[in-house]
Each structure stands twice: as structure tokens, then as C-alpha cells.
Amino acid sequence: MSIWYMNGKTFLKKMIKNEKPDSVLRARYVVISTRIRVANRNRKKAILAKSLFPEARILADLGPICGEDTSERQYRNQLKEQKGYLAVLIKSAILKNQTFVFMCSETEWKVLGDKPFLKILAEFIYDEFGYPIYDYNKYKNGKDVKIPYNKNEVLKKCKKVIKHDRINYLNRCMKTKEGRRKMLKDMSTSEMRQLLDNFDIYSKDMTKKEMKTLLKDHIL
């Protein structure tokens, strides 16, 4: 399935009217906005992704000195820190065969200048993962043609990014006692096995509970 991007006005005036009710209801909505509010009853269908919205420092720099090119470059640098998150969304869209909609408010659409910031996000995703994201309006009007992509290659890139992101997360956690405590709660069996092996205290006959107890004694 596809990932589309649009603003709230397009969603209300076009998507809801053009798409079948089932398609609208089945889609997952990634709300990249500081203005759109999501009711509690809709939280299962909506993903709040403020980390993908341009940071305040980028918006503050936008002006005659730092123009749109600089802002786009700064935003792309921000997105590099979110590659793991984006990889999870792309992987989910492919494997679950589900439509995702990236959405902001109408007033936020061109917050970085003439080029919509969601278009910059779409271009970043294609550059990094080879996965096309479409402007809903242009796609439905025939102005954006469907771009072929290699599903296996995209998934391979996603897997690599997610693994790298996870390693970075675990390394950050190891730096503080509170981080290590948090890390122990959500480590997988293979991750615990690898860490014990790094400490040269792993034994093949250990249960998951035994591994967690040993790690707790060793790092907390």
C-alpha cells in the first residue's frame, strides 16, 4: 500500500470524499503537527509524531539571512536523527500492506517556505530508503506517477537502520544506572545473551530469567 502526505484541509475536503469509507477507516494517520489534536477515542488510528515536525530552532532561523535552502538542510539533519522511527513506519506499511497518511495542519503546510515540509520529508525518505511517498493531491490528479521500488531492498535498509538505532539506544542506556535499569526491562533474549557473552559470563543452559538476574547483579 501507499504512504500519502497531505494537510488537514485536503483530508476533509478531498480524501474523505474521494476514498471509500473503509479505506479512510483502515488507514493509519501519522500526525506531524503541533496544532492538530487527536481525541482519545482515535488514538489507535493516529500516531502522534511531533518529532518529525521542524524543530523550533529551524523555524526561528527562517528569514532573510537563513533562507529556505538552509532550513531544508537543517530539517534534513533533524530527520537523520529519526531514521529509526521512519524505518519502523515504512516496514509496517509494507509488511502489513497498510496505507499510511502523513498529515499536518493547513497553516503548517508551508512552514519552511514554498516547498511543503512534508514534501521534504518524502524526498528524504526516498533518498534514504528508496521508498516513494506521494502528495495525495498530485497523485490523485495524475501529476505524481507511481514510482516502482524494490520491496526487499527497502526492507533490508529498514532492518539495517532499526538494528543500528537499537544498538545506539542500548549504548546510551549503559551510560547511567537508570538507563541500565530501563534497558533490562525491554531487552530481548538475544540481546541479553550477547551482553552476557561480552562480559564472558554467558552459559548456554541459562533461562531468560537467569540471564536477567545475572545482568542485574552485574550492571546495576
C-alpha atoms as a PDB file:
ATOM      1  CA  MET A   1       0.000   0.000   0.000  1.00  0.00           C
ATOM      2  CA  SER A   2       0.981   3.665  -0.269  1.00  0.00           C
ATOM      3  CA  ILE A   3       2.072   6.391   2.079  1.00  0.00           C
ATOM      4  CA  TRP A   4       0.464   9.719   1.238  1.00  0.00           C
ATOM      5  CA  TYR A   5       1.079  13.159   2.665  1.00  0.00           C
ATOM      6  CA  MET A   6      -1.446  15.960   2.917  1.00  0.00           C
ATOM      7  CA  ASN A   7      -2.745  18.741   5.144  1.00  0.00           C
ATOM      8  CA  GLY A   8      -5.953  18.731   7.171  1.00  0.00           C
ATOM      9  CA  LYS A   9      -7.900  20.666   4.536  1.00  0.00           C
ATOM     10  CA  THR A  10      -7.095  18.082   1.859  1.00  0.00           C
ATOM     11  CA  PHE A  11      -8.121  15.299   4.216  1.00  0.00           C
ATOM     12  CA  LEU A  12     -11.509  16.867   4.983  1.00  0.00           C
ATOM     13  CA  LYS A  13     -12.364  18.169   1.517  1.00  0.00           C
ATOM     14  CA  LYS A  14     -10.834  15.527  -0.736  1.00  0.00           C
ATOM     15  CA  MET A  15      -9.710  12.283   0.857  1.00  0.00           C
ATOM     16  CA  ILE A  16     -12.909  11.727   2.833  1.00  0.00           C
ATOM     17  CA  LYS A  17     -14.974  12.450  -0.295  1.00  0.00           C
ATOM     18  CA  ASN A  18     -12.829  10.580  -2.812  1.00  0.00           C
ATOM     19  CA  GLU A  19     -11.938   7.411  -0.916  1.00  0.00           C
ATOM     20  CA  LYS A  20     -14.233   4.594   0.143  1.00  0.00           C
ATOM     21  CA  PRO A  21     -15.248   4.809   3.823  1.00  0.00           C
ATOM     22  CA  ASP A  22     -13.448   1.511   4.525  1.00  0.00           C
ATOM     23  CA  SER A  23     -10.217   2.882   3.054  1.00  0.00           C
ATOM     24  CA  VAL A  24     -10.419   6.014   5.212  1.00  0.00           C
ATOM     25  CA  LEU A  25     -11.097   3.967   8.338  1.00  0.00           C
ATOM     26  CA  ARG A  26      -8.373   1.388   7.666  1.00  0.00           C
ATOM     27  CA  ALA A  27      -5.629   3.951   7.061  1.00  0.00           C
ATOM     28  CA  ARG A  28      -3.146   4.838   9.808  1.00  0.00           C
ATOM     29  CA  TYR A  29      -2.656   8.563  10.350  1.00  0.00           C
ATOM     30  CA  VAL A  30       0.768   9.919  11.289  1.00  0.00           C
ATOM     31  CA  VAL A  31       0.050  13.364  12.725  1.00  0.00           C
ATOM     32  CA  ILE A  32       3.142  15.542  12.200  1.00  0.00           C
ATOM     33  CA  SER A  33       1.793  18.714  13.717  1.00  0.00           C
ATOM     34  CA  THR A  34       1.829  20.999  16.737  1.00  0.00           C
ATOM     35  CA  ARG A  35      -1.723  22.134  16.035  1.00  0.00           C
ATOM     36  CA  ILE A  36      -3.807  19.051  15.264  1.00  0.00           C
ATOM     37  CA  ARG A  37      -5.338  17.474  18.340  1.00  0.00           C
ATOM     38  CA  VAL A  38      -6.297  13.798  18.416  1.00  0.00           C
ATOM     39  CA  ALA A  39      -9.222  12.681  20.588  1.00  0.00           C
ATOM     40  CA  ASN A  40      -8.557   9.743  22.915  1.00  0.00           C
ATOM     41  CA  ARG A  41     -11.044   7.568  21.028  1.00  0.00           C
ATOM     42  CA  ASN A  42      -8.954   7.988  17.850  1.00  0.00           C
ATOM     43  CA  ARG A  43      -5.547   7.298  19.398  1.00  0.00           C
ATOM     44  CA  LYS A  44      -5.456   3.743  17.987  1.00  0.00           C
ATOM     45  CA  LYS A  45      -5.750   5.057  14.438  1.00  0.00           C
ATOM     46  CA  ALA A  46      -3.426   8.026  14.844  1.00  0.00           C
ATOM     47  CA  ILE A  47       0.293   8.153  15.573  1.00  0.00           C
ATOM     48  CA  LEU A  48       1.459  11.415  17.111  1.00  0.00           C
ATOM     49  CA  ALA A  49       4.833  12.177  15.541  1.00  0.00           C
ATOM     50  CA  LYS A  50       5.849  15.658  16.685  1.00  0.00           C
ATOM     51  CA  SER A  51       9.494  14.576  16.485  1.00  0.00           C
ATOM     52  CA  LEU A  52       9.151  14.743  12.684  1.00  0.00           C
ATOM     53  CA  PHE A  53       7.871  18.332  12.738  1.00  0.00           C
ATOM     54  CA  PRO A  54      10.539  21.009  12.075  1.00  0.00           C
ATOM     55  CA  GLU A  55      12.156  21.979  15.369  1.00  0.00           C
ATOM     56  CA  ALA A  56      11.624  25.455  16.826  1.00  0.00           C
ATOM     57  CA  ARG A  57      15.262  26.413  16.229  1.00  0.00           C
ATOM     58  CA  ILE A  58      14.819  25.789  12.475  1.00  0.00           C
ATOM     59  CA  LEU A  59      11.658  27.869  12.332  1.00  0.00           C
ATOM     60  CA  ALA A  60      13.347  30.636  14.334  1.00  0.00           C
ATOM     61  CA  ASP A  61      16.245  30.771  11.847  1.00  0.00           C
ATOM     62  CA  LEU A  62      13.962  31.076   8.805  1.00  0.00           C
ATOM     63  CA  GLY A  63      14.259  34.577   7.389  1.00  0.00           C
ATOM     64  CA  PRO A  64      16.280  36.815   5.082  1.00  0.00           C
ATOM     65  CA  ILE A  65      19.630  35.582   6.449  1.00  0.00           C
ATOM     66  CA  CYS A  66      18.855  31.867   6.655  1.00  0.00           C
ATOM     67  CA  GLY A  67      16.637  31.152   3.665  1.00  0.00           C
ATOM     68  CA  GLU A  68      14.633  28.130   2.588  1.00  0.00           C
ATOM     69  CA  ASP A  69      17.675  26.168   1.361  1.00  0.00           C
ATOM     70  CA  THR A  70      19.298  26.433   4.786  1.00  0.00           C
ATOM     71  CA  SER A  71      16.063  25.474   6.542  1.00  0.00           C
ATOM     72  CA  GLU A  72      15.624  22.446   4.306  1.00  0.00           C
ATOM     73  CA  ARG A  73      19.187  21.332   5.052  1.00  0.00           C
ATOM     74  CA  GLN A  74      18.638  21.803   8.789  1.00  0.00           C
ATOM     75  CA  TYR A  75      15.372  19.869   8.640  1.00  0.00           C
ATOM     76  CA  ARG A  76      17.053  17.007   6.778  1.00  0.00           C
ATOM     77  CA  ASN A  77      19.696  16.902   9.511  1.00  0.00           C
ATOM     78  CA  GLN A  78      16.902  16.682  12.082  1.00  0.00           C
ATOM     79  CA  LEU A  79      15.338  13.790  10.155  1.00  0.00           C
ATOM     80  CA  LYS A  80      18.619  11.863  10.220  1.00  0.00           C
ATOM     81  CA  GLU A  81      18.076  11.524  13.978  1.00  0.00           C
ATOM     82  CA  GLN A  82      14.648   9.982  13.288  1.00  0.00           C
ATOM     83  CA  LYS A  83      15.691   7.394  10.701  1.00  0.00           C
ATOM     84  CA  GLY A  84      14.958   4.501  13.056  1.00  0.00           C
ATOM     85  CA  TYR A  85      11.439   5.765  13.659  1.00  0.00           C
ATOM     86  CA  LEU A  86      10.858   6.274   9.928  1.00  0.00           C
ATOM     87  CA  ALA A  87      12.202   2.782   9.200  1.00  0.00           C
ATOM     88  CA  VAL A  88       9.627   1.267  11.575  1.00  0.00           C
ATOM     89  CA  LEU A  89       6.788   3.168   9.835  1.00  0.00           C
ATOM     90  CA  ILE A  90       7.929   2.129   6.352  1.00  0.00           C
ATOM     91  CA  LYS A  91       8.418  -1.503   7.389  1.00  0.00           C
ATOM     92  CA  SER A  92       4.936  -1.556   8.906  1.00  0.00           C
ATOM     93  CA  ALA A  93       3.354  -0.047   5.777  1.00  0.00           C
ATOM     94  CA  ILE A  94       4.968  -2.720   3.585  1.00  0.00           C
ATOM     95  CA  LEU A  95       4.566  -5.822   5.752  1.00  0.00           C
ATOM     96  CA  LYS A  96       1.043  -5.010   6.952  1.00  0.00           C
ATOM     97  CA  ASN A  97       0.004  -3.843   3.474  1.00  0.00           C
ATOM     98  CA  GLN A  98      -1.493  -0.751   5.050  1.00  0.00           C
ATOM     99  CA  THR A  99      -1.999   2.811   3.864  1.00  0.00           C
ATOM    100  CA  PHE A 100      -0.325   5.488   5.980  1.00  0.00           C
ATOM    101  CA  VAL A 101      -1.198   9.186   5.822  1.00  0.00           C
ATOM    102  CA  PHE A 102       1.336  11.799   6.932  1.00  0.00           C
ATOM    103  CA  MET A 103      -0.657  14.859   7.961  1.00  0.00           C
ATOM    104  CA  CYS A 104      -0.140  18.406   9.193  1.00  0.00           C
ATOM    105  CA  SER A 105      -2.495  21.377   9.502  1.00  0.00           C
ATOM    106  CA  GLU A 106      -3.153  23.685   6.556  1.00  0.00           C
ATOM    107  CA  THR A 107      -1.243  26.546   8.224  1.00  0.00           C
ATOM    108  CA  GLU A 108       1.787  24.300   8.820  1.00  0.00           C
ATOM    109  CA  TRP A 109       1.916  23.047   5.228  1.00  0.00           C
ATOM    110  CA  LYS A 110       4.483  25.652   4.100  1.00  0.00           C
ATOM    111  CA  VAL A 111       6.040  26.426   7.454  1.00  0.00           C
ATOM    112  CA  LEU A 112       9.525  26.162   5.885  1.00  0.00           C
ATOM    113  CA  GLY A 113       8.707  28.173   2.770  1.00  0.00           C
ATOM    114  CA  ASP A 114       7.208  27.447  -0.644  1.00  0.00           C
ATOM    115  CA  LYS A 115       8.129  23.764  -0.561  1.00  0.00           C
ATOM    116  CA  PRO A 116       5.842  21.909   1.897  1.00  0.00           C
ATOM    117  CA  PHE A 117       7.876  20.419   4.722  1.00  0.00           C
ATOM    118  CA  LEU A 118       6.117  17.079   4.179  1.00  0.00           C
ATOM    119  CA  LYS A 119       7.491  17.066   0.642  1.00  0.00           C
ATOM    120  CA  ILE A 120      10.990  17.476   2.097  1.00  0.00           C
ATOM    121  CA  LEU A 121      10.217  14.556   4.417  1.00  0.00           C
ATOM    122  CA  ALA A 122       9.018  12.479   1.443  1.00  0.00           C
ATOM    123  CA  GLU A 123      12.179  13.269  -0.531  1.00  0.00           C
ATOM    124  CA  PHE A 124      14.337  12.396   2.486  1.00  0.00           C
ATOM    125  CA  ILE A 125      12.616   9.009   2.860  1.00  0.00           C
ATOM    126  CA  TYR A 126      13.099   8.229  -0.840  1.00  0.00           C
ATOM    127  CA  ASP A 127      16.762   9.259  -0.703  1.00  0.00           C
ATOM    128  CA  GLU A 128      17.474   7.168   2.404  1.00  0.00           C
ATOM    129  CA  PHE A 129      15.256   4.119   1.857  1.00  0.00           C
ATOM    130  CA  GLY A 130      14.233   4.132  -1.807  1.00  0.00           C
ATOM    131  CA  TYR A 131      10.565   4.151  -0.769  1.00  0.00           C
ATOM    132  CA  PRO A 132       8.233   6.637  -2.533  1.00  0.00           C
ATOM    133  CA  ILE A 133       5.832   8.850  -0.572  1.00  0.00           C
ATOM    134  CA  TYR A 134       3.150  10.663  -2.570  1.00  0.00           C
ATOM    135  CA  ASP A 135       1.456  14.048  -2.374  1.00  0.00           C
ATOM    136  CA  TYR A 136      -2.203  12.938  -2.211  1.00  0.00           C
ATOM    137  CA  ASN A 137      -3.495  15.809  -4.350  1.00  0.00           C
ATOM    138  CA  LYS A 138      -0.908  15.383  -7.098  1.00  0.00           C
ATOM    139  CA  TYR A 139      -1.132  11.583  -7.076  1.00  0.00           C
ATOM    140  CA  LYS A 140      -4.905  11.580  -7.440  1.00  0.00           C
ATOM    141  CA  ASN A 141      -4.742  14.263 -10.162  1.00  0.00           C
ATOM    142  CA  GLY A 142      -2.220  12.231 -12.143  1.00  0.00           C
ATOM    143  CA  LYS A 143       0.618  14.726 -11.578  1.00  0.00           C
ATOM    144  CA  ASP A 144       2.597  12.270  -9.438  1.00  0.00           C
ATOM    145  CA  VAL A 145       3.180   8.959 -11.226  1.00  0.00           C
ATOM    146  CA  LYS A 146       3.632   5.749  -9.292  1.00  0.00           C
ATOM    147  CA  ILE A 147       7.335   5.042  -8.763  1.00  0.00           C
ATOM    148  CA  PRO A 148       8.443   1.392  -8.805  1.00  0.00           C
ATOM    149  CA  TYR A 149      10.571   0.239  -5.879  1.00  0.00           C
ATOM    150  CA  ASN A 150      12.255  -2.962  -4.737  1.00  0.00           C
ATOM    151  CA  LYS A 151      10.365  -4.112  -1.642  1.00  0.00           C
ATOM    152  CA  ASN A 152      13.132  -6.453  -0.474  1.00  0.00           C
ATOM    153  CA  GLU A 153      15.792  -3.752  -0.812  1.00  0.00           C
ATOM    154  CA  VAL A 154      13.677  -1.258   1.128  1.00  0.00           C
ATOM    155  CA  LEU A 155      13.043  -3.786   3.903  1.00  0.00           C
ATOM    156  CA  LYS A 156      16.755  -4.614   4.029  1.00  0.00           C
ATOM    157  CA  LYS A 157      17.584  -0.924   4.509  1.00  0.00           C
ATOM    158  CA  CYS A 158      14.869  -0.608   7.185  1.00  0.00           C
ATOM    159  CA  LYS A 159      16.226  -3.628   9.061  1.00  0.00           C
ATOM    160  CA  LYS A 160      19.758  -2.231   8.996  1.00  0.00           C
ATOM    161  CA  VAL A 161      18.640   1.196  10.269  1.00  0.00           C
ATOM    162  CA  ILE A 162      16.423  -0.280  13.000  1.00  0.00           C
ATOM    163  CA  LYS A 163      19.269  -2.525  14.207  1.00  0.00           C
ATOM    164  CA  HIS A 164      21.713   0.398  14.248  1.00  0.00           C
ATOM    165  CA  ASP A 165      19.182   2.563  16.106  1.00  0.00           C
ATOM    166  CA  ARG A 166      18.625  -0.178  18.681  1.00  0.00           C
ATOM    167  CA  ILE A 167      22.366  -0.566  19.291  1.00  0.00           C
ATOM    168  CA  ASN A 168      22.709   3.181  19.804  1.00  0.00           C
ATOM    169  CA  TYR A 169      19.798   3.111  22.253  1.00  0.00           C
ATOM    170  CA  LEU A 170      21.352   0.287  24.288  1.00  0.00           C
ATOM    171  CA  ASN A 171      24.727   2.049  24.313  1.00  0.00           C
ATOM    172  CA  ARG A 172      23.103   5.232  25.624  1.00  0.00           C
ATOM    173  CA  CYS A 173      21.286   3.268  28.316  1.00  0.00           C
ATOM    174  CA  MET A 174      24.528   1.683  29.501  1.00  0.00           C
ATOM    175  CA  LYS A 175      25.924   5.099  30.472  1.00  0.00           C
ATOM    176  CA  THR A 176      23.658   5.586  33.513  1.00  0.00           C
ATOM    177  CA  LYS A 177      22.260   3.352  36.234  1.00  0.00           C
ATOM    178  CA  GLU A 178      18.698   4.461  35.465  1.00  0.00           C
ATOM    179  CA  GLY A 179      19.297   3.788  31.781  1.00  0.00           C
ATOM    180  CA  ARG A 180      20.604   0.283  32.514  1.00  0.00           C
ATOM    181  CA  ARG A 181      17.577  -0.405  34.692  1.00  0.00           C
ATOM    182  CA  LYS A 182      15.274   0.697  31.863  1.00  0.00           C
ATOM    183  CA  MET A 183      17.259  -1.314  29.325  1.00  0.00           C
ATOM    184  CA  LEU A 184      16.909  -4.536  31.320  1.00  0.00           C
ATOM    185  CA  LYS A 185      13.115  -4.268  31.222  1.00  0.00           C
ATOM    186  CA  ASP A 186      12.830  -4.408  27.454  1.00  0.00           C
ATOM    187  CA  MET A 187      15.891  -6.340  26.274  1.00  0.00           C
ATOM    188  CA  SER A 188      15.238  -9.339  24.070  1.00  0.00           C
ATOM    189  CA  THR A 189      16.707 -12.758  24.917  1.00  0.00           C
ATOM    190  CA  SER A 190      19.266 -12.467  22.119  1.00  0.00           C
ATOM    191  CA  GLU A 191      20.342  -9.014  23.365  1.00  0.00           C
ATOM    192  CA  MET A 192      20.805 -10.308  26.903  1.00  0.00           C
ATOM    193  CA  ARG A 193      22.733 -13.285  25.567  1.00  0.00           C
ATOM    194  CA  GLN A 194      25.026 -11.001  23.568  1.00  0.00           C
ATOM    195  CA  LEU A 195      25.686  -8.708  26.537  1.00  0.00           C
ATOM    196  CA  LEU A 196      26.456 -11.622  28.851  1.00  0.00           C
ATOM    197  CA  ASP A 197      28.753 -13.021  26.202  1.00  0.00           C
ATOM    198  CA  ASN A 198      30.543  -9.654  26.021  1.00  0.00           C
ATOM    199  CA  PHE A 199      31.117  -9.924  29.779  1.00  0.00           C
ATOM    200  CA  ASP A 200      32.257 -13.547  29.291  1.00  0.00           C
ATOM    201  CA  ILE A 201      29.654 -14.817  31.761  1.00  0.00           C
ATOM    202  CA  TYR A 202      27.162 -16.476  29.381  1.00  0.00           C
ATOM    203  CA  SER A 203      26.200 -20.130  29.638  1.00  0.00           C
ATOM    204  CA  LYS A 204      24.034 -21.939  27.059  1.00  0.00           C
ATOM    205  CA  ASP A 205      21.773 -23.560  29.659  1.00  0.00           C
ATOM    206  CA  MET A 206      20.624 -20.218  31.159  1.00  0.00           C
ATOM    207  CA  THR A 207      16.941 -19.314  31.119  1.00  0.00           C
ATOM    208  CA  LYS A 208      15.809 -15.788  30.263  1.00  0.00           C
ATOM    209  CA  LYS A 209      15.020 -15.160  33.947  1.00  0.00           C
ATOM    210  CA  GLU A 210      18.503 -16.326  34.968  1.00  0.00           C
ATOM    211  CA  MET A 211      20.130 -14.111  32.339  1.00  0.00           C
ATOM    212  CA  LYS A 212      18.193 -11.078  33.521  1.00  0.00           C
ATOM    213  CA  THR A 213      19.100 -11.769  37.180  1.00  0.00           C
ATOM    214  CA  LEU A 214      22.785 -12.145  36.338  1.00  0.00           C
ATOM    215  CA  LEU A 215      22.810  -8.959  34.283  1.00  0.00           C
ATOM    216  CA  LYS A 216      21.015  -7.101  37.069  1.00  0.00           C
ATOM    217  CA  ASP A 217      23.710  -8.171  39.535  1.00  0.00           C
ATOM    218  CA  HIS A 218      26.450  -7.306  37.097  1.00  0.00           C
ATOM    219  CA  ILE A 219      25.471  -3.856  35.803  1.00  0.00           C
ATOM    220  CA  LEU A 220      23.210  -2.304  38.478  1.00  0.00           C
END
